């Protein structure tokens, strides 16, 4: 059976995340695989693809890859693919805490 609905009558898909309050503000983005970047959010779409200006990647520590080190790499203007993003958070007001679920032996 063919669907005769016109494109204008279809309900447009909307994202459940509203990033408009973060536009032109610094955000921190975490990606699948553990990479992290910080930059000014310049734009986004319904698939959560992000445009970050002045982006900086936070590199992992060489001895302990589970820890984000102090070393960074300038990326400039980037487009971050939404399917690879796991967390988007404001850069100011975010701090890393110890894992409350890890055993004391693991830390």
Protein backbone atom coordinates (compact mmCIF):
# COMPACT_ATOMS: atom_id res chain seq x y z
CA UNK A 1 0.00 0.00 0.00
CA UNK A 2 1.39 3.39 -0.98
CA UNK A 3 1.31 6.22 1.53
CA UNK A 4 -0.35 9.20 -0.18
CA UNK A 5 0.49 11.73 2.52
CA UNK A 6 2.20 14.84 1.26
CA UNK A 7 5.57 15.79 2.81
CA UNK A 8 4.04 18.98 4.19
CA UNK A 9 1.42 16.98 6.13
CA UNK A 10 3.95 14.69 7.80
CA UNK A 11 4.93 15.53 11.32
CA UNK A 12 8.48 16.83 11.30
CA UNK A 13 10.91 14.94 13.52
CA UNK A 14 12.18 17.05 16.36
CA UNK A 15 15.10 16.38 18.61
CA UNK A 16 14.37 15.67 22.25
CA UNK A 17 17.43 17.76 23.16
CA UNK A 18 17.17 21.55 23.03
CA UNK A 19 20.65 22.94 22.43
CA UNK A 20 19.47 26.48 21.58
CA UNK A 21 20.38 27.68 25.09
CA UNK A 22 24.00 26.64 24.42
CA UNK A 23 24.39 28.50 21.11
CA UNK A 24 27.44 30.80 21.10
CA UNK A 25 28.52 29.33 24.44
CA UNK A 26 31.41 27.02 25.25
CA UNK A 27 30.40 23.35 25.50
CA UNK A 28 32.25 20.13 26.24
CA UNK A 29 31.43 17.16 24.01
CA UNK A 30 32.24 13.51 24.75
CA UNK A 31 32.37 11.03 21.89
CA UNK A 32 32.06 7.26 21.61
CA UNK A 33 35.52 5.81 22.01
CA UNK A 34 36.46 8.25 24.77
CA UNK A 35 37.53 11.39 22.91
CA UNK A 36 36.55 14.76 24.35
CA UNK A 37 36.50 18.24 22.84
CA UNK A 38 35.60 21.75 23.96
CA UNK A 39 34.44 24.57 21.69
CA UNK A 40 31.88 27.29 21.08
CA UNK A 41 28.61 25.82 19.76
CA UNK A 42 27.79 27.61 16.51
CA UNK A 43 25.05 25.34 15.18
CA UNK A 44 23.32 21.97 15.30
CA UNK A 45 20.62 20.01 13.51
CA UNK A 46 17.89 17.48 14.40
CA UNK A 47 20.42 14.62 14.19
CA UNK A 48 22.59 16.42 16.79
CA UNK A 49 25.41 17.07 14.37
CA UNK A 50 27.26 19.97 16.00
CA UNK A 51 29.38 22.81 14.63
CA UNK A 52 32.04 23.85 17.14
CA UNK A 53 34.32 26.85 16.63
CA UNK A 54 37.71 27.11 18.28
CA UNK A 55 37.52 23.44 19.20
CA UNK A 56 40.20 21.89 21.37
CA UNK A 57 40.61 18.12 21.84
CA UNK A 58 41.54 16.97 25.35
CA UNK A 59 44.08 14.18 24.94
CA UNK A 60 44.26 11.08 27.13
CA UNK A 61 47.19 10.39 29.42
CA UNK A 62 49.78 8.09 27.76
CA UNK A 63 50.34 6.00 30.92
CA UNK A 64 46.66 5.72 31.88
CA UNK A 65 44.24 5.97 28.92
CA UNK A 66 41.24 6.14 31.27
CA UNK A 67 42.34 9.61 32.45
CA UNK A 68 42.08 12.84 30.47
CA UNK A 69 45.47 14.56 30.74
CA UNK A 70 46.40 18.23 30.63
CA UNK A 71 47.62 17.98 27.03
CA UNK A 72 45.38 19.45 24.32
CA UNK A 73 45.31 19.74 20.54
CA UNK A 74 43.76 22.65 18.62
CA UNK A 75 41.18 21.53 16.06
CA UNK A 76 39.67 24.87 14.99
CA UNK A 77 36.24 24.77 13.33
CA UNK A 78 34.77 21.25 13.34
CA UNK A 79 31.57 19.42 12.54
CA UNK A 80 30.93 16.70 15.12
CA UNK A 81 28.76 13.85 13.87
CA UNK A 82 25.73 13.35 16.07
CA UNK A 83 25.84 9.54 15.98
CA UNK A 84 29.26 9.60 17.68
CA UNK A 85 28.30 12.06 20.47
CA UNK A 86 27.45 10.69 23.90
CA UNK A 87 27.44 13.84 26.10
CA UNK A 88 27.01 17.57 25.49
CA UNK A 89 27.49 19.77 28.55
CA UNK A 90 28.28 23.42 29.27
CA UNK A 91 32.04 23.87 29.68
CA UNK A 92 31.69 26.13 32.71
CA UNK A 93 29.98 24.42 35.60
CA UNK A 94 31.32 20.98 34.70
CA UNK A 95 33.87 19.13 36.77
CA UNK A 96 35.16 15.60 36.67
CA UNK A 97 34.41 13.49 39.75
CA UNK A 98 35.65 10.05 40.78
CA UNK A 99 33.49 7.15 39.66
CA UNK A 100 31.11 6.44 42.58
CA UNK A 101 30.45 2.91 41.27
CA UNK A 102 34.10 1.79 41.08
CA UNK A 103 35.52 -0.31 43.87
CA UNK A 104 38.16 1.31 46.03
CA UNK A 105 40.64 -1.26 44.63
CA UNK A 106 40.10 -0.01 41.06
CA UNK A 107 40.77 3.66 41.82
